[in-house]
């Protein structure tokens, strides 16, 4: 997504090969850490208040699928936009993220790079894996959001000011979980 309204990037260095890090990304349960579970639980409160049955069904389906690995996330709301193992993976999501339910809409990989329709925003989330000169691997993750029009951008930016700290904390926890898994495999 070369044009975007908001972006956030986080990175870590891992004592493992790029292939081990990429495998760890695919195997890590992104929702298992207590901090992530708490923050995602807080995020779901507005949805419970506005549509409790649908929200409860959605949470039960996620629980039944056995966790929040990337393969599960791709079968839910995210779409795989690009994959180049073991160096990069890009996921996409379209919706009205600032609304209580998130207003998620199925994304089409073929048209994702275009401007979203008015009233919607598109988020691209990547994992980039690169070998470093010292034999380690640098893992970075970036989220970019593009809004369909100026009014949507204003709404999203207000929402982002509120959730950015929690979103950043989730990214740091995910990077740490992937790092720990990859380094265990490397030993």
Protein backbone atom coordinates (compact mmCIF):
# COMPACT_ATOMS: atom_id res chain seq x y z
CA UNK A 1 0.00 0.00 0.00
CA UNK A 2 2.23 2.84 -1.25
CA UNK A 3 -0.23 5.60 -0.28
CA UNK A 4 -1.56 5.68 3.26
CA UNK A 5 -2.99 7.99 5.92
CA UNK A 6 -1.50 6.34 9.02
CA UNK A 7 1.44 3.98 9.54
CA UNK A 8 3.17 2.33 12.48
CA UNK A 9 6.34 0.19 12.39
CA UNK A 10 7.94 -2.05 15.03
CA UNK A 11 11.02 -4.30 14.83
CA UNK A 12 13.20 -6.71 16.76
CA UNK A 13 16.38 -8.68 16.17
CA UNK A 14 16.29 -12.45 16.61
CA UNK A 15 19.04 -15.05 17.11
CA UNK A 16 17.68 -17.42 14.45
CA UNK A 17 17.69 -17.88 10.70
CA UNK A 18 15.16 -16.10 8.47
CA UNK A 19 13.48 -19.46 7.74
CA UNK A 20 13.11 -20.17 11.47
CA UNK A 21 11.69 -16.69 12.08
CA UNK A 22 9.22 -17.04 9.20
CA UNK A 23 8.10 -20.43 10.51
CA UNK A 24 7.67 -18.91 13.98
CA UNK A 25 5.45 -16.17 12.53
CA UNK A 26 3.16 -18.83 11.06
CA UNK A 27 3.07 -20.93 14.25
CA UNK A 28 2.68 -18.22 16.90
CA UNK A 29 -0.74 -17.81 18.48
CA UNK A 30 -1.17 -14.04 18.39
CA UNK A 31 -4.06 -14.09 20.85
CA UNK A 32 -2.62 -16.31 23.58
CA UNK A 33 -0.67 -13.68 25.51
CA UNK A 34 -2.67 -12.22 28.44
CA UNK A 35 -1.97 -8.60 27.42
CA UNK A 36 -3.21 -9.23 23.87
CA UNK A 37 -6.27 -11.10 25.17
CA UNK A 38 -7.04 -8.23 27.56
CA UNK A 39 -6.67 -5.52 24.92
CA UNK A 40 -8.72 -7.46 22.37
CA UNK A 41 -11.34 -8.06 25.07
CA UNK A 42 -11.52 -4.34 25.78
CA UNK A 43 -11.84 -3.68 22.03
CA UNK A 44 -14.81 -6.06 21.84
CA UNK A 45 -16.81 -4.33 24.63
CA UNK A 46 -18.50 -1.81 22.29
CA UNK A 47 -19.46 -4.64 19.91
CA UNK A 48 -20.98 -6.59 22.83
CA UNK A 49 -23.03 -3.55 23.76
CA UNK A 50 -24.37 -2.97 20.25
CA UNK A 51 -24.75 -6.57 19.00
CA UNK A 52 -24.13 -9.10 21.78
CA UNK A 53 -25.29 -12.25 19.95
CA UNK A 54 -23.23 -11.67 16.83
CA UNK A 55 -20.18 -10.73 18.90
CA UNK A 56 -20.55 -13.80 21.11
CA UNK A 57 -20.86 -16.08 18.02
CA UNK A 58 -17.77 -14.50 16.51
CA UNK A 59 -15.72 -15.02 19.69
CA UNK A 60 -16.91 -18.62 19.99
CA UNK A 61 -15.91 -19.33 16.39
CA UNK A 62 -12.46 -17.86 17.02
CA UNK A 63 -12.09 -19.95 20.17
CA UNK A 64 -13.23 -23.13 18.39
CA UNK A 65 -10.69 -22.61 15.61
CA UNK A 66 -7.91 -23.23 18.13
CA UNK A 67 -6.20 -19.88 18.44
CA UNK A 68 -5.16 -16.81 16.52
CA UNK A 69 -2.41 -18.07 14.25
CA UNK A 70 -2.16 -16.35 10.88
CA UNK A 71 -3.92 -19.23 9.10
CA UNK A 72 -6.94 -18.73 11.37
CA UNK A 73 -6.89 -14.97 10.88
CA UNK A 74 -6.85 -15.49 7.11
CA UNK A 75 -9.90 -17.71 7.29
CA UNK A 76 -11.71 -15.01 9.28
CA UNK A 77 -11.49 -11.37 8.21
CA UNK A 78 -7.96 -10.90 6.89
CA UNK A 79 -6.96 -11.64 3.32
CA UNK A 80 -3.50 -12.67 2.17
CA UNK A 81 -2.26 -9.92 -0.13
CA UNK A 82 1.25 -11.16 -0.77
CA UNK A 83 3.58 -13.88 0.45
CA UNK A 84 7.26 -14.37 -0.33
CA UNK A 85 8.62 -16.95 2.14
CA UNK A 86 10.86 -16.61 4.04
CA UNK A 87 11.08 -12.85 3.67
CA UNK A 88 7.64 -11.25 3.73
CA UNK A 89 3.93 -11.69 4.21
CA UNK A 90 1.27 -8.99 3.81
CA UNK A 91 -2.28 -9.27 5.16
CA UNK A 92 -5.18 -6.93 4.47
CA UNK A 93 -8.37 -5.91 6.20
CA UNK A 94 -11.15 -3.52 5.14
CA UNK A 95 -13.74 -1.93 7.36
CA UNK A 96 -14.96 0.89 9.54
CA UNK A 97 -12.48 0.17 12.33
CA UNK A 98 -13.63 3.14 14.42
CA UNK A 99 -17.17 1.76 14.79
CA UNK A 100 -18.14 -0.53 17.71
CA UNK A 101 -18.21 -3.68 15.56
CA UNK A 102 -15.33 -2.67 13.29
CA UNK A 103 -17.65 -2.80 10.28
CA UNK A 104 -15.45 -5.38 8.55
CA UNK A 105 -15.96 -6.02 4.85
CA UNK A 106 -14.39 -8.86 2.86
CA UNK A 107 -11.34 -7.67 0.95
CA UNK A 108 -10.38 -8.56 -2.58
CA UNK A 109 -6.60 -8.94 -3.05
CA UNK A 110 -6.86 -7.88 -6.71
CA UNK A 111 -8.32 -4.45 -5.89
CA UNK A 112 -6.84 -3.89 -2.42
CA UNK A 113 -4.17 -1.40 -3.54
CA UNK A 114 -6.79 0.95 -4.97
CA UNK A 115 -8.51 3.69 -3.02
CA UNK A 116 -11.13 2.17 -0.72
CA UNK A 117 -14.74 3.23 -1.21
CA UNK A 118 -15.87 6.32 0.71
CA UNK A 119 -16.67 5.48 4.32
CA UNK A 120 -14.20 2.58 4.47
CA UNK A 121 -10.54 2.16 5.36
CA UNK A 122 -8.06 -0.51 4.35
CA UNK A 123 -5.30 -1.73 6.64
CA UNK A 124 -2.27 -3.60 5.33
CA UNK A 125 -0.18 -5.43 7.92
CA UNK A 126 3.15 -6.99 7.01
CA UNK A 127 5.89 -9.08 8.51
CA UNK A 128 9.29 -8.52 6.93
CA UNK A 129 12.16 -10.92 7.68
CA UNK A 130 15.76 -10.07 6.73
CA UNK A 131 19.14 -11.55 7.60
CA UNK A 132 21.59 -9.16 9.28
CA UNK A 133 25.37 -8.99 8.89
CA UNK A 134 25.92 -10.46 12.37
CA UNK A 135 24.08 -13.72 11.61
CA UNK A 136 20.82 -12.70 13.22
CA UNK A 137 17.47 -11.88 11.66
CA UNK A 138 15.59 -8.61 11.77
CA UNK A 139 11.82 -8.99 12.01
CA UNK A 140 9.71 -5.91 11.42
CA UNK A 141 5.99 -5.39 11.22
CA UNK A 142 4.29 -2.39 9.73
CA UNK A 143 0.65 -1.42 9.62
CA UNK A 144 -0.54 1.06 7.01
CA UNK A 145 -4.07 2.40 6.80
CA UNK A 146 -5.61 4.15 3.82
CA UNK A 147 -8.99 5.82 4.08
CA UNK A 148 -11.53 6.17 1.29
CA UNK A 149 -12.15 9.90 1.71
CA UNK A 150 -11.27 12.89 3.90
CA UNK A 151 -14.20 12.43 6.30
CA UNK A 152 -13.25 8.78 6.85
CA UNK A 153 -9.62 9.80 7.41
CA UNK A 154 -10.70 12.26 10.12
CA UNK A 155 -12.81 9.58 11.84
CA UNK A 156 -10.06 7.01 11.62
CA UNK A 157 -7.37 9.37 12.92
CA UNK A 158 -9.48 10.20 16.00
CA UNK A 159 -9.92 6.47 16.60
CA UNK A 160 -6.19 5.85 16.01
CA UNK A 161 -5.22 8.40 18.66
CA UNK A 162 -7.21 6.34 21.15
CA UNK A 163 -6.06 2.84 20.13
CA UNK A 164 -2.51 3.41 18.86
CA UNK A 165 -0.83 2.77 22.25
CA UNK A 166 -2.67 -0.54 22.68
CA UNK A 167 -2.11 -1.50 19.05
CA UNK A 168 1.59 -0.80 19.48
CA UNK A 169 1.73 -2.88 22.63
CA UNK A 170 0.08 -5.77 20.79
CA UNK A 171 2.71 -5.52 18.02
CA UNK A 172 5.55 -5.55 20.59
CA UNK A 173 4.07 -8.61 22.31
CA UNK A 174 3.67 -10.41 18.97
CA UNK A 175 7.28 -9.64 18.03
CA UNK A 176 8.46 -10.93 21.42
CA UNK A 177 6.39 -14.12 21.10
CA UNK A 178 7.77 -14.77 17.60
CA UNK A 179 11.33 -14.03 18.78
CA UNK A 180 11.02 -16.46 21.71
CA UNK A 181 9.58 -19.23 19.52
CA UNK A 182 12.23 -18.77 16.79
CA UNK A 183 15.10 -18.68 19.29
CA UNK A 184 13.81 -21.88 20.97
CA UNK A 185 13.77 -23.58 17.55
CA UNK A 186 17.25 -22.24 16.77
CA UNK A 187 18.83 -23.77 19.88
